[in-house]
PDB file of all heavy atoms in Angstrom:
ATOM      1  N   THR A   1       5.952  24.913   3.513  1.00  0.00           N
ATOM      2  CA  THR A   1       6.848  24.048   2.755  1.00  0.00           C
ATOM      3  C   THR A   1       7.840  23.341   3.685  1.00  0.00           C
ATOM      4  O   THR A   1       8.098  22.138   3.548  1.00  0.00           O
ATOM      5  CB  THR A   1       7.610  24.854   1.695  1.00  0.00           C
ATOM      6  OG1 THR A   1       6.672  25.559   0.874  1.00  0.00           O
ATOM      7  CG2 THR A   1       8.435  23.942   0.808  1.00  0.00           C
ATOM      8  N   ALA A   2       8.377  24.095   4.636  1.00  0.00           N
ATOM      9  CA  ALA A   2       9.299  23.486   5.607  1.00  0.00           C
ATOM     10  C   ALA A   2       8.588  22.413   6.423  1.00  0.00           C
ATOM     11  O   ALA A   2       9.161  21.344   6.702  1.00  0.00           O
ATOM     12  CB  ALA A   2       9.860  24.564   6.530  1.00  0.00           C
ATOM     13  N   ALA A   3       7.341  22.673   6.800  1.00  0.00           N
ATOM     14  CA  ALA A   3       6.587  21.690   7.577  1.00  0.00           C
ATOM     15  C   ALA A   3       6.349  20.419   6.767  1.00  0.00           C
ATOM     16  O   ALA A   3       6.500  19.300   7.278  1.00  0.00           O
ATOM     17  CB  ALA A   3       5.260  22.289   8.025  1.00  0.00           C
ATOM     18  N   ALA A   4       5.976  20.571   5.504  1.00  0.00           N
ATOM     19  CA  ALA A   4       5.749  19.398   4.658  1.00  0.00           C
ATOM     20  C   ALA A   4       7.030  18.596   4.473  1.00  0.00           C
ATOM     21  O   ALA A   4       7.023  17.354   4.534  1.00  0.00           O
ATOM     22  CB  ALA A   4       5.187  19.832   3.296  1.00  0.00           C
ATOM     23  N   GLU A   5       8.134  19.281   4.246  1.00  0.00           N
ATOM     24  CA  GLU A   5       9.413  18.586   4.077  1.00  0.00           C
ATOM     25  C   GLU A   5       9.823  17.852   5.363  1.00  0.00           C
ATOM     26  O   GLU A   5      10.342  16.737   5.318  1.00  0.00           O
ATOM     27  CB  GLU A   5      10.499  19.590   3.675  1.00  0.00           C
ATOM     28  CG  GLU A   5      10.341  20.148   2.262  1.00  0.00           C
ATOM     29  CD  GLU A   5      10.692  19.141   1.182  1.00  0.00           C
ATOM     30  OE1 GLU A   5      11.035  17.992   1.503  1.00  0.00           O
ATOM     31  OE2 GLU A   5      10.610  19.511  -0.007  1.00  0.00           O
ATOM     32  N   ALA A   6       9.574  18.468   6.509  1.00  0.00           N
ATOM     33  CA  ALA A   6       9.918  17.818   7.779  1.00  0.00           C
ATOM     34  C   ALA A   6       9.058  16.580   8.008  1.00  0.00           C
ATOM     35  O   ALA A   6       9.553  15.544   8.466  1.00  0.00           O
ATOM     36  CB  ALA A   6       9.743  18.809   8.928  1.00  0.00           C
ATOM     37  N   LEU A   7       7.780  16.665   7.693  1.00  0.00           N
ATOM     38  CA  LEU A   7       6.896  15.507   7.843  1.00  0.00           C
ATOM     39  C   LEU A   7       7.330  14.371   6.923  1.00  0.00           C
ATOM     40  O   LEU A   7       7.323  13.196   7.312  1.00  0.00           O
ATOM     41  CB  LEU A   7       5.450  15.917   7.543  1.00  0.00           C
ATOM     42  CG  LEU A   7       4.790  16.833   8.583  1.00  0.00           C
ATOM     43  CD1 LEU A   7       3.530  17.457   8.009  1.00  0.00           C
ATOM     44  CD2 LEU A   7       4.472  16.064   9.860  1.00  0.00           C
ATOM     45  N   LEU A   8       7.724  14.710   5.686  1.00  0.00           N
ATOM     46  CA  LEU A   8       8.200  13.679   4.755  1.00  0.00           C
ATOM     47  C   LEU A   8       9.512  13.073   5.242  1.00  0.00           C
ATOM     48  O   LEU A   8       9.726  11.855   5.121  1.00  0.00           O
ATOM     49  CB  LEU A   8       8.392  14.272   3.357  1.00  0.00           C
ATOM     50  CG  LEU A   8       7.172  14.314   2.435  1.00  0.00           C
ATOM     51  CD1 LEU A   8       7.560  14.913   1.092  1.00  0.00           C
ATOM     52  CD2 LEU A   8       6.570  12.928   2.249  1.00  0.00           C
ATOM     53  N   ALA A   9      10.401  13.903   5.787  1.00  0.00           N
ATOM     54  CA  ALA A   9      11.668  13.383   6.310  1.00  0.00           C
ATOM     55  C   ALA A   9      11.405  12.409   7.451  1.00  0.00           C
ATOM     56  O   ALA A   9      12.045  11.347   7.550  1.00  0.00           O
ATOM     57  CB  ALA A   9      12.551  14.533   6.780  1.00  0.00           C
ATOM     58  N   SER A  10      10.453  12.738   8.299  1.00  0.00           N
ATOM     59  CA  SER A  10      10.089  11.838   9.391  1.00  0.00           C
ATOM     60  C   SER A  10       9.501  10.541   8.853  1.00  0.00           C
ATOM     61  O   SER A  10       9.801   9.446   9.357  1.00  0.00           O
ATOM     62  CB  SER A  10       9.083  12.530  10.314  1.00  0.00           C
ATOM     63  OG  SER A  10       8.608  11.647  11.310  1.00  0.00           O
ATOM     64  N   ALA A  11       8.653  10.654   7.818  1.00  0.00           N
ATOM     65  CA  ALA A  11       8.074   9.450   7.204  1.00  0.00           C
ATOM     66  C   ALA A  11       9.161   8.554   6.624  1.00  0.00           C
ATOM     67  O   ALA A  11       9.119   7.328   6.772  1.00  0.00           O
ATOM     68  CB  ALA A  11       7.067   9.854   6.119  1.00  0.00           C
ATOM     69  N   ARG A  12      10.147   9.156   5.979  1.00  0.00           N
ATOM     70  CA  ARG A  12      11.256   8.370   5.414  1.00  0.00           C
ATOM     71  C   ARG A  12      12.028   7.656   6.518  1.00  0.00           C
ATOM     72  O   ARG A  12      12.437   6.503   6.355  1.00  0.00           O
ATOM     73  CB  ARG A  12      12.187   9.286   4.617  1.00  0.00           C
ATOM     74  CG  ARG A  12      11.638   9.768   3.278  1.00  0.00           C
ATOM     75  CD  ARG A  12      12.730  10.491   2.508  1.00  0.00           C
ATOM     76  NE  ARG A  12      12.298  10.967   1.209  1.00  0.00           N
ATOM     77  CZ  ARG A  12      11.928  12.223   0.955  1.00  0.00           C
ATOM     78  NH1 ARG A  12      11.922  13.121   1.957  1.00  0.00           N
ATOM     79  NH2 ARG A  12      11.563  12.580  -0.247  1.00  0.00           N
ATOM     80  N   ARG A  13      12.238   8.337   7.622  1.00  0.00           N
ATOM     81  CA  ARG A  13      12.951   7.719   8.741  1.00  0.00           C
ATOM     82  C   ARG A  13      12.190   6.501   9.266  1.00  0.00           C
ATOM     83  O   ARG A  13      12.793   5.563   9.781  1.00  0.00           O
ATOM     84  CB  ARG A  13      13.138   8.725   9.872  1.00  0.00           C
ATOM     85  CG  ARG A  13      14.221   9.769   9.601  1.00  0.00           C
ATOM     86  CD  ARG A  13      14.251  10.813  10.704  1.00  0.00           C
ATOM     87  NE  ARG A  13      14.564  10.230  11.997  1.00  0.00           N
ATOM     88  CZ  ARG A  13      15.790  10.098  12.497  1.00  0.00           C
ATOM     89  NH1 ARG A  13      16.835  10.510  11.792  1.00  0.00           N
ATOM     90  NH2 ARG A  13      15.980   9.566  13.688  1.00  0.00           N
ATOM     91  N   ALA A  14      10.866   6.514   9.104  1.00  0.00           N
ATOM     92  CA  ALA A  14      10.041   5.391   9.548  1.00  0.00           C
ATOM     93  C   ALA A  14       9.854   4.344   8.458  1.00  0.00           C
ATOM     94  O   ALA A  14       9.105   3.381   8.645  1.00  0.00           O
ATOM     95  CB  ALA A  14       8.679   5.896  10.024  1.00  0.00           C
ATOM     96  N   GLY A  15      10.529   4.543   7.314  1.00  0.00           N
ATOM     97  CA  GLY A  15      10.503   3.534   6.262  1.00  0.00           C
ATOM     98  C   GLY A  15       9.748   3.886   5.008  1.00  0.00           C
ATOM     99  O   GLY A  15       9.740   3.112   4.042  1.00  0.00           O
ATOM    100  N   ALA A  16       9.104   5.038   4.957  1.00  0.00           N
ATOM    101  CA  ALA A  16       8.351   5.410   3.754  1.00  0.00           C
ATOM    102  C   ALA A  16       9.291   5.680   2.584  1.00  0.00           C
ATOM    103  O   ALA A  16      10.417   6.155   2.759  1.00  0.00           O
ATOM    104  CB  ALA A  16       7.494   6.640   4.027  1.00  0.00           C
ATOM    105  N   VAL A  17       8.805   5.379   1.390  1.00  0.00           N
ATOM    106  CA  VAL A  17       9.543   5.633   0.146  1.00  0.00           C
ATOM    107  C   VAL A  17       8.759   6.673  -0.649  1.00  0.00           C
ATOM    108  O   VAL A  17       7.535   6.559  -0.785  1.00  0.00           O
ATOM    109  CB  VAL A  17       9.708   4.349  -0.680  1.00  0.00           C
ATOM    110  CG1 VAL A  17      10.401   4.640  -2.006  1.00  0.00           C
ATOM    111  CG2 VAL A  17      10.472   3.302   0.127  1.00  0.00           C
ATOM    112  N   VAL A  18       9.448   7.683  -1.173  1.00  0.00           N
ATOM    113  CA  VAL A  18       8.794   8.777  -1.882  1.00  0.00           C
ATOM    114  C   VAL A  18       9.212   8.776  -3.343  1.00  0.00           C
ATOM    115  O   VAL A  18      10.406   8.774  -3.658  1.00  0.00           O
ATOM    116  CB  VAL A  18       9.132  10.138  -1.231  1.00  0.00           C
ATOM    117  CG1 VAL A  18       8.430  11.275  -1.977  1.00  0.00           C
ATOM    118  CG2 VAL A  18       8.730  10.142   0.242  1.00  0.00           C
ATOM    119  N   HIS A  19       8.225   8.768  -4.239  1.00  0.00           N
ATOM    120  CA  HIS A  19       8.468   8.851  -5.683  1.00  0.00           C
ATOM    121  C   HIS A  19       7.863  10.160  -6.192  1.00  0.00           C
ATOM    122  O   HIS A  19       6.651  10.370  -6.086  1.00  0.00           O
ATOM    123  CB  HIS A  19       7.814   7.682  -6.423  1.00  0.00           C
ATOM    124  CG  HIS A  19       8.337   6.339  -6.044  1.00  0.00           C
ATOM    125  ND1 HIS A  19       9.446   5.783  -6.632  1.00  0.00           N
ATOM    126  CD2 HIS A  19       7.903   5.434  -5.122  1.00  0.00           C
ATOM    127  CE1 HIS A  19       9.674   4.588  -6.108  1.00  0.00           C
ATOM    128  NE2 HIS A  19       8.750   4.363  -5.183  1.00  0.00           N
ATOM    129  N   THR A  20       8.695  11.036  -6.737  1.00  0.00           N
ATOM    130  CA  THR A  20       8.203  12.293  -7.297  1.00  0.00           C
ATOM    131  C   THR A  20       8.242  12.242  -8.817  1.00  0.00           C
ATOM    132  O   THR A  20       8.880  11.383  -9.419  1.00  0.00           O
ATOM    133  CB  THR A  20       9.030  13.481  -6.786  1.00  0.00           C
ATOM    134  OG1 THR A  20      10.418  13.263  -7.100  1.00  0.00           O
ATOM    135  CG2 THR A  20       8.876  13.638  -5.283  1.00  0.00           C
ATOM    136  N   HIS A  21       7.538  13.177  -9.445  1.00  0.00           N
ATOM    137  CA  HIS A  21       7.448  13.273 -10.903  1.00  0.00           C
ATOM    138  C   HIS A  21       6.955  11.964 -11.516  1.00  0.00           C
ATOM    139  O   HIS A  21       7.467  11.488 -12.529  1.00  0.00           O
ATOM    140  CB  HIS A  21       8.793  13.691 -11.502  1.00  0.00           C
ATOM    141  CG  HIS A  21       9.289  15.002 -10.964  1.00  0.00           C
ATOM    142  ND1 HIS A  21       8.775  16.218 -11.365  1.00  0.00           N
ATOM    143  CD2 HIS A  21      10.214  15.282 -10.005  1.00  0.00           C
ATOM    144  CE1 HIS A  21       9.380  17.196 -10.713  1.00  0.00           C
ATOM    145  NE2 HIS A  21      10.254  16.647  -9.875  1.00  0.00           N
ATOM    146  N   GLU A  22       5.965  11.386 -10.870  1.00  0.00           N
ATOM    147  CA  GLU A  22       5.353  10.143 -11.345  1.00  0.00           C
ATOM    148  C   GLU A  22       3.837  10.288 -11.207  1.00  0.00           C
ATOM    149  O   GLU A  22       3.317  10.390 -10.092  1.00  0.00           O
ATOM    150  CB  GLU A  22       5.856   8.945 -10.539  1.00  0.00           C
ATOM    151  CG  GLU A  22       5.333   7.607 -11.051  1.00  0.00           C
ATOM    152  CD  GLU A  22       6.001   6.417 -10.376  1.00  0.00           C
ATOM    153  OE1 GLU A  22       6.918   6.632  -9.551  1.00  0.00           O
ATOM    154  OE2 GLU A  22       5.616   5.278 -10.674  1.00  0.00           O
ATOM    155  N   ARG A  23       3.164  10.306 -12.320  1.00  0.00           N
ATOM    156  CA  ARG A  23       1.720  10.543 -12.320  1.00  0.00           C
ATOM    157  C   ARG A  23       0.941   9.236 -12.202  1.00  0.00           C
ATOM    158  O   ARG A  23       1.202   8.277 -12.940  1.00  0.00           O
ATOM    159  CB  ARG A  23       1.310  11.266 -13.608  1.00  0.00           C
ATOM    160  CG  ARG A  23      -0.168  11.677 -13.666  1.00  0.00           C
ATOM    161  CD  ARG A  23      -0.503  12.191 -15.057  1.00  0.00           C
ATOM    162  NE  ARG A  23       0.274  13.380 -15.365  1.00  0.00           N
ATOM    163  CZ  ARG A  23      -0.132  14.629 -15.130  1.00  0.00           C
ATOM    164  NH1 ARG A  23      -1.324  14.825 -14.570  1.00  0.00           N
ATOM    165  NH2 ARG A  23       0.619  15.657 -15.442  1.00  0.00           N
ATOM    166  N   VAL A  24      -0.017   9.197 -11.283  1.00  0.00           N
ATOM    167  CA  VAL A  24      -0.909   8.041 -11.156  1.00  0.00           C
ATOM    168  C   VAL A  24      -1.987   8.143 -12.225  1.00  0.00           C
ATOM    169  O   VAL A  24      -2.633   9.185 -12.380  1.00  0.00           O
ATOM    170  CB  VAL A  24      -1.537   7.997  -9.752  1.00  0.00           C
ATOM    171  CG1 VAL A  24      -2.620   6.921  -9.675  1.00  0.00           C
ATOM    172  CG2 VAL A  24      -0.458   7.729  -8.705  1.00  0.00           C
ATOM    173  N   THR A  25      -2.204   7.063 -12.954  1.00  0.00           N
ATOM    174  CA  THR A  25      -3.142   7.076 -14.075  1.00  0.00           C
ATOM    175  C   THR A  25      -4.358   6.175 -13.872  1.00  0.00           C
ATOM    176  O   THR A  25      -5.316   6.261 -14.640  1.00  0.00           O
ATOM    177  CB  THR A  25      -2.431   6.653 -15.372  1.00  0.00           C
ATOM    178  OG1 THR A  25      -1.882   5.330 -15.203  1.00  0.00           O
ATOM    179  CG2 THR A  25      -1.321   7.634 -15.727  1.00  0.00           C
ATOM    180  N   GLY A  26      -4.336   5.315 -12.855  1.00  0.00           N
ATOM    181  CA  GLY A  26      -5.490   4.445 -12.663  1.00  0.00           C
ATOM    182  C   GLY A  26      -5.296   3.503 -11.503  1.00  0.00           C
ATOM    183  O   GLY A  26      -4.286   3.547 -10.780  1.00  0.00           O
ATOM    184  N   LEU A  27      -6.283   2.638 -11.308  1.00  0.00           N
ATOM    185  CA  LEU A  27      -6.294   1.705 -10.198  1.00  0.00           C
ATOM    186  C   LEU A  27      -6.465   0.285 -10.729  1.00  0.00           C
ATOM    187  O   LEU A  27      -7.317   0.029 -11.580  1.00  0.00           O
ATOM    188  CB  LEU A  27      -7.453   2.038  -9.253  1.00  0.00           C
ATOM    189  CG  LEU A  27      -7.554   1.244  -7.952  1.00  0.00           C
ATOM    190  CD1 LEU A  27      -6.415   1.615  -7.008  1.00  0.00           C
ATOM    191  CD2 LEU A  27      -8.907   1.514  -7.279  1.00  0.00           C
ATOM    192  N   LEU A  28      -5.650  -0.636 -10.234  1.00  0.00           N
ATOM    193  CA  LEU A  28      -5.814  -2.056 -10.543  1.00  0.00           C
ATOM    194  C   LEU A  28      -6.552  -2.693  -9.380  1.00  0.00           C
ATOM    195  O   LEU A  28      -6.263  -2.416  -8.219  1.00  0.00           O
ATOM    196  CB  LEU A  28      -4.450  -2.720 -10.741  1.00  0.00           C
ATOM    197  CG  LEU A  28      -3.564  -2.135 -11.840  1.00  0.00           C
ATOM    198  CD1 LEU A  28      -2.232  -2.861 -11.888  1.00  0.00           C
ATOM    199  CD2 LEU A  28      -4.262  -2.201 -13.188  1.00  0.00           C
ATOM    200  N   ARG A  29      -7.522  -3.567  -9.713  1.00  0.00           N
ATOM    201  CA  ARG A  29      -8.368  -4.133  -8.653  1.00  0.00           C
ATOM    202  C   ARG A  29      -8.332  -5.651  -8.660  1.00  0.00           C
ATOM    203  O   ARG A  29      -8.042  -6.290  -9.680  1.00  0.00           O
ATOM    204  CB  ARG A  29      -9.814  -3.677  -8.845  1.00  0.00           C
ATOM    205  CG  ARG A  29      -9.982  -2.172  -8.776  1.00  0.00           C
ATOM    206  CD  ARG A  29     -11.427  -1.826  -8.586  1.00  0.00           C
ATOM    207  NE  ARG A  29     -11.807  -0.673  -9.384  1.00  0.00           N
ATOM    208  CZ  ARG A  29     -13.035  -0.228  -9.480  1.00  0.00           C
ATOM    209  NH1 ARG A  29     -14.017  -0.842  -8.844  1.00  0.00           N
ATOM    210  NH2 ARG A  29     -13.302   0.829 -10.221  1.00  0.00           N
ATOM    211  N   ARG A  30      -8.649  -6.182  -7.510  1.00  0.00           N
ATOM    212  CA  ARG A  30      -8.793  -7.626  -7.372  1.00  0.00           C
ATOM    213  C   ARG A  30     -10.156  -8.053  -7.918  1.00  0.00           C
ATOM    214  O   ARG A  30     -10.990  -7.216  -8.286  1.00  0.00           O
ATOM    215  CB  ARG A  30      -8.649  -8.027  -5.902  1.00  0.00           C
ATOM    216  CG  ARG A  30      -7.276  -7.707  -5.312  1.00  0.00           C
ATOM    217  CD  ARG A  30      -7.182  -8.190  -3.861  1.00  0.00           C
ATOM    218  NE  ARG A  30      -5.819  -7.994  -3.345  1.00  0.00           N
ATOM    219  CZ  ARG A  30      -5.400  -6.904  -2.743  1.00  0.00           C
ATOM    220  NH1 ARG A  30      -6.240  -5.881  -2.581  1.00  0.00           N
ATOM    221  NH2 ARG A  30      -4.161  -6.796  -2.304  1.00  0.00           N
ATOM    222  N   ALA A  31     -10.376  -9.363  -7.929  1.00  0.00           N
ATOM    223  CA  ALA A  31     -11.635  -9.892  -8.460  1.00  0.00           C
ATOM    224  C   ALA A  31     -12.842  -9.379  -7.684  1.00  0.00           C
ATOM    225  O   ALA A  31     -13.944  -9.216  -8.245  1.00  0.00           O
ATOM    226  CB  ALA A  31     -11.606 -11.419  -8.438  1.00  0.00           C
ATOM    227  N   ASP A  32     -12.660  -9.080  -6.394  1.00  0.00           N
ATOM    228  CA  ASP A  32     -13.782  -8.588  -5.590  1.00  0.00           C
ATOM    229  C   ASP A  32     -13.980  -7.073  -5.701  1.00  0.00           C
ATOM    230  O   ASP A  32     -14.826  -6.492  -5.019  1.00  0.00           O
ATOM    231  CB  ASP A  32     -13.612  -8.981  -4.126  1.00  0.00           C
ATOM    232  CG  ASP A  32     -12.364  -8.350  -3.488  1.00  0.00           C
ATOM    233  OD1 ASP A  32     -11.632  -7.601  -4.174  1.00  0.00           O
ATOM    234  OD2 ASP A  32     -12.123  -8.618  -2.283  1.00  0.00           O
ATOM    235  N   GLY A  33     -13.189  -6.424  -6.560  1.00  0.00           N
ATOM    236  CA  GLY A  33     -13.319  -4.986  -6.768  1.00  0.00           C
ATOM    237  C   GLY A  33     -12.458  -4.128  -5.880  1.00  0.00           C
ATOM    238  O   GLY A  33     -12.430  -2.897  -6.034  1.00  0.00           O
ATOM    239  N   SER A  34     -11.740  -4.713  -4.942  1.00  0.00           N
ATOM    240  CA  SER A  34     -10.922  -3.933  -4.020  1.00  0.00           C
ATOM    241  C   SER A  34      -9.607  -3.516  -4.675  1.00  0.00           C
ATOM    242  O   SER A  34      -9.156  -4.100  -5.673  1.00  0.00           O
ATOM    243  CB  SER A  34     -10.633  -4.734  -2.755  1.00  0.00           C
ATOM    244  OG  SER A  34      -9.897  -5.906  -3.044  1.00  0.00           O
ATOM    245  N   ALA A  35      -8.985  -2.495  -4.099  1.00  0.00           N
ATOM    246  CA  ALA A  35      -7.725  -1.982  -4.639  1.00  0.00           C
ATOM    247  C   ALA A  35      -6.622  -3.035  -4.543  1.00  0.00           C
ATOM    248  O   ALA A  35      -6.486  -3.721  -3.532  1.00  0.00           O
ATOM    249  CB  ALA A  35      -7.312  -0.732  -3.867  1.00  0.00           C
ATOM    250  N   ARG A  36      -5.848  -3.149  -5.620  1.00  0.00           N
ATOM    251  CA  ARG A  36      -4.709  -4.062  -5.650  1.00  0.00           C
ATOM    252  C   ARG A  36      -3.406  -3.329  -5.910  1.00  0.00           C
ATOM    253  O   ARG A  36      -2.350  -3.701  -5.396  1.00  0.00           O
ATOM    254  CB  ARG A  36      -4.913  -5.126  -6.738  1.00  0.00           C
ATOM    255  CG  ARG A  36      -3.753  -6.109  -6.871  1.00  0.00           C
ATOM    256  CD  ARG A  36      -4.054  -7.204  -7.879  1.00  0.00           C
ATOM    257  NE  ARG A  36      -4.169  -6.729  -9.249  1.00  0.00           N
ATOM    258  CZ  ARG A  36      -3.136  -6.506 -10.062  1.00  0.00           C
ATOM    259  NH1 ARG A  36      -1.895  -6.680  -9.618  1.00  0.00           N
ATOM    260  NH2 ARG A  36      -3.334  -6.095 -11.292  1.00  0.00           N
ATOM    261  N   ALA A  37      -3.476  -2.257  -6.704  1.00  0.00           N
ATOM    262  CA  ALA A  37      -2.282  -1.482  -7.042  1.00  0.00           C
ATOM    263  C   ALA A  37      -2.713  -0.192  -7.725  1.00  0.00           C
ATOM    264  O   ALA A  37      -3.829  -0.092  -8.258  1.00  0.00           O
ATOM    265  CB  ALA A  37      -1.361  -2.286  -7.974  1.00  0.00           C
ATOM    266  N   VAL A  38      -1.839   0.800  -7.712  1.00  0.00           N
ATOM    267  CA  VAL A  38      -2.063   1.986  -8.533  1.00  0.00           C
ATOM    268  C   VAL A  38      -1.200   1.865  -9.781  1.00  0.00           C
ATOM    269  O   VAL A  38      -0.058   1.392  -9.729  1.00  0.00           O
ATOM    270  CB  VAL A  38      -1.736   3.293  -7.782  1.00  0.00           C
ATOM    271  CG1 VAL A  38      -2.698   3.508  -6.635  1.00  0.00           C
ATOM    272  CG2 VAL A  38      -0.304   3.337  -7.300  1.00  0.00           C
ATOM    273  N   ARG A  39      -1.763   2.279 -10.885  1.00  0.00           N
ATOM    274  CA  ARG A  39      -1.041   2.293 -12.156  1.00  0.00           C
ATOM    275  C   ARG A  39      -0.485   3.700 -12.367  1.00  0.00           C
ATOM    276  O   ARG A  39      -1.172   4.699 -12.136  1.00  0.00           O
ATOM    277  CB  ARG A  39      -1.980   1.904 -13.301  1.00  0.00           C
ATOM    278  CG  ARG A  39      -1.292   1.773 -14.659  1.00  0.00           C
ATOM    279  CD  ARG A  39      -2.234   1.212 -15.710  1.00  0.00           C
ATOM    280  NE  ARG A  39      -3.417   2.046 -15.884  1.00  0.00           N
ATOM    281  CZ  ARG A  39      -4.646   1.689 -15.540  1.00  0.00           C
ATOM    282  NH1 ARG A  39      -4.865   0.504 -14.980  1.00  0.00           N
ATOM    283  NH2 ARG A  39      -5.669   2.500 -15.726  1.00  0.00           N
ATOM    284  N   THR A  40       0.776   3.793 -12.781  1.00  0.00           N
ATOM    285  CA  THR A  40       1.393   5.082 -13.052  1.00  0.00           C
ATOM    286  C   THR A  40       1.975   5.074 -14.465  1.00  0.00           C
ATOM    287  O   THR A  40       1.955   4.052 -15.160  1.00  0.00           O
ATOM    288  CB  THR A  40       2.520   5.397 -12.042  1.00  0.00           C
ATOM    289  OG1 THR A  40       3.695   4.639 -12.380  1.00  0.00           O
ATOM    290  CG2 THR A  40       2.105   5.080 -10.619  1.00  0.00           C
ATOM    291  N   GLU A  41       2.510   6.210 -14.855  1.00  0.00           N
ATOM    292  CA  GLU A  41       3.155   6.316 -16.164  1.00  0.00           C
ATOM    293  C   GLU A  41       4.388   5.416 -16.260  1.00  0.00           C
ATOM    294  O   GLU A  41       4.839   5.102 -17.358  1.00  0.00           O
ATOM    295  CB  GLU A  41       3.560   7.772 -16.410  1.00  0.00           C
ATOM    296  CG  GLU A  41       2.374   8.725 -16.520  1.00  0.00           C
ATOM    297  CD  GLU A  41       2.783  10.182 -16.507  1.00  0.00           C
ATOM    298  OE1 GLU A  41       3.774  10.502 -15.801  1.00  0.00           O
ATOM    299  OE2 GLU A  41       2.135  10.991 -17.173  1.00  0.00           O
ATOM    300  N   ARG A  42       4.936   4.987 -15.120  1.00  0.00           N
ATOM    301  CA  ARG A  42       6.148   4.165 -15.120  1.00  0.00           C
ATOM    302  C   ARG A  42       5.885   2.695 -14.862  1.00  0.00           C
ATOM    303  O   ARG A  42       6.791   1.876 -14.964  1.00  0.00           O
ATOM    304  CB  ARG A  42       7.115   4.685 -14.048  1.00  0.00           C
ATOM    305  CG  ARG A  42       7.539   6.122 -14.228  1.00  0.00           C
ATOM    306  CD  ARG A  42       8.472   6.529 -13.104  1.00  0.00           C
ATOM    307  NE  ARG A  42       8.745   7.957 -13.108  1.00  0.00           N
ATOM    308  CZ  ARG A  42       9.398   8.598 -12.155  1.00  0.00           C
ATOM    309  NH1 ARG A  42       9.866   7.905 -11.108  1.00  0.00           N
ATOM    310  NH2 ARG A  42       9.593   9.887 -12.219  1.00  0.00           N
TER     311      ARG A  42
END
């Protein structure tokens, strides 16, 4: 747990944004079928 938290803290320092308690429900795609966005409950 400490290792995971440290890795996330390092990711945040490099600019990552973390959203917790948010469930991914699907994938939005472009016309060619590639990923465009993830859909969540929010």
